[in-house]
Each structure stands twice: as C-alpha cells, then as structure tokens.
Amino acid sequence: MTIREASAQWQGTLKEGSGRLRLGSGVFDGAYSFPSRFESGPGTNPEELIAAAHAGCFSMALTAILGAEGHTVNSIHTIAKVHLGVTTAGPTITRIELETEARASISVEDFERLAQKAKAACLVSRALAGVAAITLKARLAAQ
C-alpha cells in the first residue's frame, strides 16, 4: 500500500515557540505556533490540515460513488470545519462539519443518500472515527 509522509519541526516552549509543517511531497511548507493553533495568529495548524484532508477525501469518495452509480459529476466543492474544543482529556477535536455542493445528474434524494454513503466510506472519516460528531450538509446545485 502507499505510504504518505509529513514532518513537523518545533523550537522553543509551547506558548512562545514556533514550528514548521511540511508535506513529504514538498507542495506545502508552512509555519505554525500556539497562536495559529489555539488563537487567531498567522500560520497553519494541524486541525486545518485535517480539514483539508477530510474535504479532499470526501470529495473524491463522493465522486467515485456517484460515478459507480452511473451519475455524471460536473463538480463537487466541499468545506470541512474542524472544531477544536476542550474536554476532560484536554484540547480535543469535538466535531467536524462537512458541507458539500455538487453539480451532477441525479435526484436530490439519491444525492443525499449517496453523500451519506460517501461520508461513511471516506478514508479520512473512518480514520477520524473517534471524533464525537461528523455532520454532513449535502446540496445539489442546479445543472
């Protein structure tokens, strides 16, 4: 099976330090810090990267499922919102909201059913099964 890699470098204390996140492919290399993760500071954070991974994975899963059912897909746009909260265990991803809009030749009812199927089949959704709630709003756009 395929192996993907990313790396993180951190220097300094938790609140005053900083680091860099780098994808193994080299297409992304960005700064992160306590303020970029837990406040509104500049830079990225692990949760934002999880959101990007989830949105990308879900969009591909939905495309595959719609195609396998014989539906033509013109486009799919997905937003993933990763909520970081505090539980008794400490900082925790408390929920993820997926919002998707597709342009495809399909009824609204079938689209909603297959979107839920894609949410369950998505590799990242399955990897994040420990998140208390992963919700989905699926909207079919006019052709």
N, C-alpha and C. Protein backbone atom coordinates (compact mmCIF):
# COMPACT_ATOMS: atom_id res chain seq x y z
N MET A 1 0.85 -1.19 0.00
CA MET A 1 0.00 0.00 0.00
C MET A 1 0.88 1.24 0.00
N THR A 2 0.32 2.32 -0.38
CA THR A 2 1.01 3.60 -0.45
C THR A 2 1.27 4.16 0.95
N ILE A 3 2.41 4.79 1.11
CA ILE A 3 2.75 5.46 2.37
C ILE A 3 2.92 6.94 2.08
N ARG A 4 2.25 7.78 2.85
CA ARG A 4 2.39 9.23 2.73
C ARG A 4 3.12 9.74 3.96
N GLU A 5 3.83 10.85 3.80
CA GLU A 5 4.66 11.35 4.89
C GLU A 5 4.53 12.86 5.02
N ALA A 6 4.64 13.33 6.23
CA ALA A 6 4.72 14.75 6.52
C ALA A 6 5.62 14.88 7.74
N SER A 7 6.16 16.08 7.94
CA SER A 7 7.04 16.26 9.09
C SER A 7 6.71 17.55 9.81
N ALA A 8 7.09 17.60 11.08
CA ALA A 8 6.91 18.79 11.90
C ALA A 8 8.20 19.06 12.65
N GLN A 9 8.56 20.31 12.73
CA GLN A 9 9.73 20.77 13.49
C GLN A 9 9.21 21.80 14.48
N TRP A 10 9.61 21.70 15.74
CA TRP A 10 9.19 22.66 16.77
C TRP A 10 10.41 23.14 17.53
N GLN A 11 10.43 24.43 17.83
CA GLN A 11 11.52 25.01 18.62
C GLN A 11 10.94 25.91 19.68
N GLY A 12 11.44 25.80 20.90
CA GLY A 12 11.01 26.69 21.98
C GLY A 12 9.92 26.09 22.82
N THR A 13 9.39 26.93 23.70
CA THR A 13 8.34 26.49 24.61
C THR A 13 7.01 26.40 23.86
N LEU A 14 6.02 25.84 24.52
CA LEU A 14 4.72 25.66 23.88
C LEU A 14 4.12 27.00 23.45
N LYS A 15 4.06 27.97 24.34
CA LYS A 15 3.37 29.23 24.01
C LYS A 15 4.24 30.22 23.25
N GLU A 16 5.53 30.22 23.46
CA GLU A 16 6.40 31.19 22.78
C GLU A 16 7.14 30.59 21.58
N GLY A 17 7.13 29.29 21.47
CA GLY A 17 7.87 28.63 20.40
C GLY A 17 7.13 28.70 19.07
N SER A 18 7.75 28.07 18.08
CA SER A 18 7.13 28.01 16.76
C SER A 18 7.67 26.81 16.02
N GLY A 19 7.01 26.50 14.92
CA GLY A 19 7.44 25.35 14.16
C GLY A 19 7.07 25.46 12.70
N ARG A 20 7.39 24.40 11.98
CA ARG A 20 7.05 24.31 10.55
C ARG A 20 6.46 22.93 10.30
N LEU A 21 5.46 22.92 9.47
CA LEU A 21 4.85 21.68 8.99
C LEU A 21 5.18 21.55 7.52
N ARG A 22 5.59 20.37 7.11
CA ARG A 22 5.98 20.17 5.71
C ARG A 22 5.42 18.86 5.22
N LEU A 23 4.80 18.92 4.05
CA LEU A 23 4.31 17.70 3.42
C LEU A 23 5.47 17.01 2.72
N GLY A 24 5.47 15.70 2.74
CA GLY A 24 6.53 14.93 2.12
C GLY A 24 6.69 15.22 0.63
N SER A 25 5.61 15.57 -0.04
CA SER A 25 5.67 15.88 -1.47
C SER A 25 6.34 17.23 -1.72
N GLY A 26 6.43 18.05 -0.67
CA GLY A 26 7.03 19.36 -0.82
C GLY A 26 6.09 20.44 -1.32
N VAL A 27 4.83 20.12 -1.59
CA VAL A 27 3.91 21.13 -2.12
C VAL A 27 3.43 22.09 -1.04
N PHE A 28 3.65 21.75 0.23
CA PHE A 28 3.30 22.67 1.31
C PHE A 28 4.37 22.64 2.37
N ASP A 29 4.76 23.82 2.81
CA ASP A 29 5.69 24.00 3.91
C ASP A 29 5.25 25.28 4.60
N GLY A 30 4.74 25.18 5.83
CA GLY A 30 4.20 26.37 6.48
C GLY A 30 4.48 26.43 7.96
N ALA A 31 4.43 27.65 8.46
CA ALA A 31 4.68 27.92 9.88
C ALA A 31 3.44 27.60 10.71
N TYR A 32 3.68 27.20 11.96
CA TYR A 32 2.60 27.05 12.92
C TYR A 32 3.12 27.41 14.30
N SER A 33 2.20 27.77 15.18
CA SER A 33 2.56 28.22 16.52
C SER A 33 1.37 28.04 17.45
N PHE A 34 1.57 28.31 18.72
CA PHE A 34 0.46 28.28 19.66
C PHE A 34 -0.65 29.23 19.21
N PRO A 35 -0.32 30.50 18.86
CA PRO A 35 -1.39 31.40 18.41
C PRO A 35 -2.10 30.93 17.14
N SER A 36 -1.40 30.29 16.20
CA SER A 36 -2.07 29.84 14.98
C SER A 36 -2.95 28.62 15.24
N ARG A 37 -2.70 27.94 16.33
CA ARG A 37 -3.48 26.75 16.65
C ARG A 37 -4.63 27.02 17.60
N PHE A 38 -4.37 27.77 18.64
CA PHE A 38 -5.37 27.94 19.70
C PHE A 38 -5.96 29.35 19.77
N GLU A 39 -5.46 30.25 18.95
CA GLU A 39 -5.95 31.62 18.93
C GLU A 39 -6.22 32.00 17.46
N SER A 40 -5.91 33.21 17.07
CA SER A 40 -6.14 33.63 15.68
C SER A 40 -4.86 34.13 15.03
N GLY A 41 -3.73 33.58 15.43
CA GLY A 41 -2.45 34.01 14.90
C GLY A 41 -2.21 33.54 13.48
N PRO A 42 -1.22 34.14 12.82
CA PRO A 42 -0.89 33.76 11.45
C PRO A 42 -0.24 32.37 11.40
N GLY A 43 -0.40 31.71 10.29
CA GLY A 43 0.17 30.37 10.11
C GLY A 43 -0.92 29.33 10.04
N THR A 44 -0.50 28.11 9.90
CA THR A 44 -1.45 26.99 9.80
C THR A 44 -1.50 26.26 11.13
N ASN A 45 -2.13 25.10 11.14
CA ASN A 45 -2.21 24.26 12.34
C ASN A 45 -2.63 22.86 11.92
N PRO A 46 -2.42 21.88 12.77
CA PRO A 46 -2.78 20.50 12.40
C PRO A 46 -4.26 20.33 12.07
N GLU A 47 -5.13 21.06 12.77
CA GLU A 47 -6.56 20.90 12.53
C GLU A 47 -6.97 21.41 11.14
N GLU A 48 -6.33 22.48 10.69
CA GLU A 48 -6.60 23.00 9.35
C GLU A 48 -6.17 21.98 8.29
N LEU A 49 -5.06 21.32 8.53
CA LEU A 49 -4.59 20.30 7.59
C LEU A 49 -5.52 19.07 7.61
N ILE A 50 -6.06 18.74 8.78
CA ILE A 50 -7.04 17.66 8.87
C ILE A 50 -8.29 18.04 8.08
N ALA A 51 -8.72 19.30 8.20
CA ALA A 51 -9.89 19.77 7.44
C ALA A 51 -9.66 19.65 5.94
N ALA A 52 -8.48 20.05 5.48
CA ALA A 52 -8.16 19.95 4.05
C ALA A 52 -8.17 18.48 3.60
N ALA A 53 -7.59 17.62 4.41
CA ALA A 53 -7.55 16.20 4.07
C ALA A 53 -8.96 15.62 4.01
N HIS A 54 -9.79 16.00 4.97
CA HIS A 54 -11.15 15.46 5.02
C HIS A 54 -11.98 15.96 3.83
N ALA A 55 -11.88 17.25 3.52
CA ALA A 55 -12.62 17.80 2.38
C ALA A 55 -12.20 17.13 1.07
N GLY A 56 -10.91 16.95 0.89
CA GLY A 56 -10.40 16.31 -0.32
C GLY A 56 -10.82 14.86 -0.43
N CYS A 57 -10.70 14.14 0.66
CA CYS A 57 -11.05 12.71 0.67
C CYS A 57 -12.54 12.53 0.41
N PHE A 58 -13.36 13.32 1.10
CA PHE A 58 -14.81 13.20 0.93
C PHE A 58 -15.22 13.51 -0.52
N SER A 59 -14.66 14.57 -1.10
CA SER A 59 -15.00 14.93 -2.47
C SER A 59 -14.67 13.80 -3.44
N MET A 60 -13.53 13.18 -3.25
CA MET A 60 -13.15 12.05 -4.12
C MET A 60 -14.04 10.84 -3.88
N ALA A 61 -14.38 10.56 -2.63
CA ALA A 61 -15.26 9.42 -2.32
C ALA A 61 -16.64 9.63 -2.94
N LEU A 62 -17.16 10.85 -2.82
CA LEU A 62 -18.47 11.14 -3.40
C LEU A 62 -18.43 11.03 -4.92
N THR A 63 -17.39 11.53 -5.54
CA THR A 63 -17.24 11.41 -6.98
C THR A 63 -17.22 9.95 -7.41
N ALA A 64 -16.48 9.12 -6.69
CA ALA A 64 -16.38 7.69 -7.02
C ALA A 64 -17.73 7.00 -6.87
N ILE A 65 -18.43 7.29 -5.79
CA ILE A 65 -19.72 6.63 -5.54
C ILE A 65 -20.76 7.07 -6.56
N LEU A 66 -20.81 8.37 -6.86
CA LEU A 66 -21.76 8.85 -7.88
C LEU A 66 -21.45 8.23 -9.24
N GLY A 67 -20.17 8.19 -9.61
CA GLY A 67 -19.77 7.59 -10.88
C GLY A 67 -20.10 6.12 -10.96
N ALA A 68 -19.88 5.40 -9.87
CA ALA A 68 -20.18 3.96 -9.84
C ALA A 68 -21.67 3.68 -10.00
N GLU A 69 -22.49 4.65 -9.61
CA GLU A 69 -23.95 4.51 -9.74
C GLU A 69 -24.44 5.03 -11.11
N GLY A 70 -23.49 5.46 -11.96
CA GLY A 70 -23.84 5.89 -13.31
C GLY A 70 -24.21 7.36 -13.45
N HIS A 71 -23.90 8.17 -12.44
CA HIS A 71 -24.24 9.58 -12.49
C HIS A 71 -23.06 10.40 -13.00
N THR A 72 -23.34 11.38 -13.85
CA THR A 72 -22.31 12.27 -14.36
C THR A 72 -22.07 13.38 -13.34
N VAL A 73 -20.81 13.56 -12.95
CA VAL A 73 -20.45 14.59 -11.99
C VAL A 73 -19.71 15.70 -12.72
N ASN A 74 -20.23 16.92 -12.63
CA ASN A 74 -19.56 18.07 -13.23
C ASN A 74 -18.58 18.70 -12.25
N SER A 75 -18.99 18.82 -10.99
CA SER A 75 -18.10 19.39 -9.97
C SER A 75 -18.61 19.06 -8.58
N ILE A 76 -17.69 19.04 -7.64
CA ILE A 76 -18.01 18.87 -6.22
C ILE A 76 -17.12 19.84 -5.46
N HIS A 77 -17.72 20.60 -4.57
CA HIS A 77 -16.98 21.53 -3.71
C HIS A 77 -17.34 21.20 -2.27
N THR A 78 -16.34 20.90 -1.46
CA THR A 78 -16.57 20.52 -0.06
C THR A 78 -15.76 21.41 0.87
N ILE A 79 -16.40 21.82 1.94
CA ILE A 79 -15.74 22.55 3.03
C ILE A 79 -15.81 21.67 4.26
N ALA A 80 -14.71 21.52 4.96
CA ALA A 80 -14.69 20.80 6.23
C ALA A 80 -14.31 21.79 7.32
N LYS A 81 -15.11 21.82 8.37
CA LYS A 81 -14.85 22.70 9.52
C LYS A 81 -14.52 21.82 10.72
N VAL A 82 -13.28 21.89 11.17
CA VAL A 82 -12.83 21.11 12.31
C VAL A 82 -12.94 21.99 13.55
N HIS A 83 -13.73 21.54 14.53
CA HIS A 83 -13.94 22.30 15.76
C HIS A 83 -12.98 21.78 16.84
N LEU A 84 -12.21 22.69 17.39
CA LEU A 84 -11.28 22.36 18.46
C LEU A 84 -11.88 22.89 19.75
N GLY A 85 -12.11 22.01 20.70
CA GLY A 85 -12.68 22.39 21.98
C GLY A 85 -11.89 21.76 23.10
N VAL A 86 -12.40 21.89 24.30
CA VAL A 86 -11.75 21.34 25.48
C VAL A 86 -12.69 20.34 26.13
N THR A 87 -12.15 19.16 26.43
CA THR A 87 -12.88 18.15 27.18
C THR A 87 -12.05 17.81 28.41
N THR A 88 -12.50 16.86 29.19
CA THR A 88 -11.72 16.45 30.36
C THR A 88 -10.36 15.89 29.97
N ALA A 89 -10.24 15.43 28.73
CA ALA A 89 -8.96 14.91 28.23
C ALA A 89 -8.02 16.03 27.78
N GLY A 90 -8.53 17.27 27.70
CA GLY A 90 -7.74 18.40 27.23
C GLY A 90 -8.25 18.87 25.88
N PRO A 91 -7.42 19.63 25.12
CA PRO A 91 -7.84 20.07 23.80
C PRO A 91 -8.21 18.87 22.93
N THR A 92 -9.37 18.96 22.26
CA THR A 92 -9.92 17.82 21.52
C THR A 92 -10.64 18.31 20.28
N ILE A 93 -10.54 17.56 19.20
CA ILE A 93 -11.39 17.81 18.05
C ILE A 93 -12.77 17.30 18.47
N THR A 94 -13.70 18.23 18.67
CA THR A 94 -15.01 17.88 19.20
C THR A 94 -16.03 17.54 18.12
N ARG A 95 -15.86 18.13 16.93
CA ARG A 95 -16.76 17.78 15.83
C ARG A 95 -16.18 18.28 14.52
N ILE A 96 -16.66 17.70 13.45
CA ILE A 96 -16.28 18.11 12.11
C ILE A 96 -17.57 18.27 11.31
N GLU A 97 -17.70 19.41 10.65
CA GLU A 97 -18.85 19.66 9.80
C GLU A 97 -18.38 19.62 8.35
N LEU A 98 -18.99 18.75 7.57
CA LEU A 98 -18.74 18.70 6.14
C LEU A 98 -19.90 19.38 5.43
N GLU A 99 -19.60 20.27 4.51
CA GLU A 99 -20.60 20.90 3.67
C GLU A 99 -20.17 20.68 2.23
N THR A 100 -21.05 20.10 1.45
CA THR A 100 -20.68 19.81 0.06
C THR A 100 -21.76 20.27 -0.89
N GLU A 101 -21.33 20.71 -2.05
CA GLU A 101 -22.25 21.08 -3.12
C GLU A 101 -21.74 20.43 -4.39
N ALA A 102 -22.66 19.79 -5.09
CA ALA A 102 -22.27 19.10 -6.32
C ALA A 102 -23.15 19.53 -7.48
N ARG A 103 -22.57 19.49 -8.63
CA ARG A 103 -23.30 19.61 -9.88
C ARG A 103 -23.22 18.23 -10.53
N ALA A 104 -24.35 17.55 -10.51
CA ALA A 104 -24.38 16.17 -11.01
C ALA A 104 -25.78 15.84 -11.51
N SER A 105 -25.86 14.85 -12.38
CA SER A 105 -27.15 14.40 -12.93
C SER A 105 -27.72 13.33 -12.00
N ILE A 106 -28.54 13.77 -11.02
CA ILE A 106 -29.06 12.86 -10.01
C ILE A 106 -30.23 13.55 -9.29
N SER A 107 -31.14 12.78 -8.73
CA SER A 107 -32.23 13.37 -7.93
C SER A 107 -31.67 13.81 -6.57
N VAL A 108 -32.35 14.74 -5.95
CA VAL A 108 -31.92 15.24 -4.64
C VAL A 108 -31.89 14.10 -3.62
N GLU A 109 -32.90 13.25 -3.62
CA GLU A 109 -32.98 12.16 -2.65
C GLU A 109 -31.81 11.18 -2.81
N ASP A 110 -31.53 10.79 -4.06
CA ASP A 110 -30.42 9.87 -4.32
C ASP A 110 -29.09 10.53 -3.96
N PHE A 111 -28.97 11.82 -4.27
CA PHE A 111 -27.73 12.53 -3.94
C PHE A 111 -27.48 12.52 -2.44
N GLU A 112 -28.49 12.85 -1.66
CA GLU A 112 -28.33 12.87 -0.20
C GLU A 112 -27.96 11.49 0.33
N ARG A 113 -28.59 10.46 -0.19
CA ARG A 113 -28.29 9.08 0.24
C ARG A 113 -26.85 8.71 -0.10
N LEU A 114 -26.42 9.02 -1.32
CA LEU A 114 -25.07 8.66 -1.73
C LEU A 114 -24.01 9.54 -1.05
N ALA A 115 -24.37 10.78 -0.71
CA ALA A 115 -23.44 11.63 0.05
C ALA A 115 -23.20 11.05 1.44
N GLN A 116 -24.23 10.56 2.08
CA GLN A 116 -24.06 9.91 3.39
C GLN A 116 -23.22 8.64 3.26
N LYS A 117 -23.42 7.93 2.17
CA LYS A 117 -22.61 6.73 1.92
C LYS A 117 -21.14 7.12 1.74
N ALA A 118 -20.89 8.22 1.04
CA ALA A 118 -19.51 8.70 0.84
C ALA A 118 -18.89 9.11 2.16
N LYS A 119 -19.67 9.76 3.02
CA LYS A 119 -19.15 10.17 4.33
C LYS A 119 -18.68 8.93 5.12
N ALA A 120 -19.45 7.88 5.07
CA ALA A 120 -19.09 6.66 5.79
C ALA A 120 -17.91 5.94 5.14
N ALA A 121 -17.78 6.05 3.81
CA ALA A 121 -16.72 5.34 3.09
C ALA A 121 -15.40 6.08 3.04
N CYS A 122 -15.43 7.39 3.20
CA CYS A 122 -14.23 8.21 3.10
C CYS A 122 -13.16 7.73 4.08
N LEU A 123 -11.94 7.53 3.57
CA LEU A 123 -10.84 7.04 4.41
C LEU A 123 -10.56 7.95 5.60
N VAL A 124 -10.64 9.26 5.38
CA VAL A 124 -10.36 10.19 6.47
C VAL A 124 -11.49 10.17 7.49
N SER A 125 -12.74 10.07 7.06
CA SER A 125 -13.85 9.93 8.01
C SER A 125 -13.64 8.71 8.89
N ARG A 126 -13.23 7.61 8.27
CA ARG A 126 -13.02 6.38 9.05
C ARG A 126 -11.84 6.54 9.99
N ALA A 127 -10.79 7.24 9.55
CA ALA A 127 -9.62 7.45 10.42
C ALA A 127 -9.97 8.35 11.61
N LEU A 128 -10.96 9.22 11.42
CA LEU A 128 -11.36 10.15 12.47
C LEU A 128 -12.58 9.66 13.25
N ALA A 129 -12.79 8.37 13.28
CA ALA A 129 -13.97 7.79 13.93
C ALA A 129 -14.07 8.16 15.41
N GLY A 130 -12.98 8.55 16.04
CA GLY A 130 -13.01 8.93 17.44
C GLY A 130 -13.59 10.31 17.69
N VAL A 131 -13.83 11.09 16.64
CA VAL A 131 -14.43 12.40 16.78
C VAL A 131 -15.90 12.20 17.13
N ALA A 132 -16.37 12.91 18.15
CA ALA A 132 -17.74 12.70 18.66
C ALA A 132 -18.82 12.87 17.60
N ALA A 133 -18.67 13.83 16.70
CA ALA A 133 -19.70 14.05 15.68
C ALA A 133 -19.06 14.53 14.37
N ILE A 134 -19.40 13.85 13.29
CA ILE A 134 -19.05 14.32 11.95
C ILE A 134 -20.37 14.48 11.23
N THR A 135 -20.73 15.73 10.93
CA THR A 135 -22.01 16.01 10.28
C THR A 135 -21.79 16.32 8.80
N LEU A 136 -22.87 16.21 8.04
CA LEU A 136 -22.81 16.46 6.60
C LEU A 136 -24.03 17.23 6.15
N LYS A 137 -23.79 18.34 5.44
CA LYS A 137 -24.86 19.06 4.73
C LYS A 137 -24.52 18.90 3.26
N ALA A 138 -25.39 18.24 2.53
CA ALA A 138 -25.16 17.98 1.11
C ALA A 138 -26.20 18.74 0.30
N ARG A 139 -25.72 19.50 -0.68
CA ARG A 139 -26.61 20.30 -1.52
C ARG A 139 -26.31 20.01 -2.97
N LEU A 140 -27.36 19.78 -3.72
CA LEU A 140 -27.23 19.55 -5.14
C LEU A 140 -27.50 20.87 -5.86
N ALA A 141 -26.55 21.36 -6.61
CA ALA A 141 -26.70 22.63 -7.33
C ALA A 141 -27.39 22.37 -8.67
N ALA A 142 -28.00 23.42 -9.18
CA ALA A 142 -28.64 23.31 -10.49
C ALA A 142 -27.60 23.04 -11.56
N GLN A 143 -27.95 22.23 -12.53
CA GLN A 143 -27.03 21.90 -13.63
C GLN A 143 -26.85 23.06 -14.55
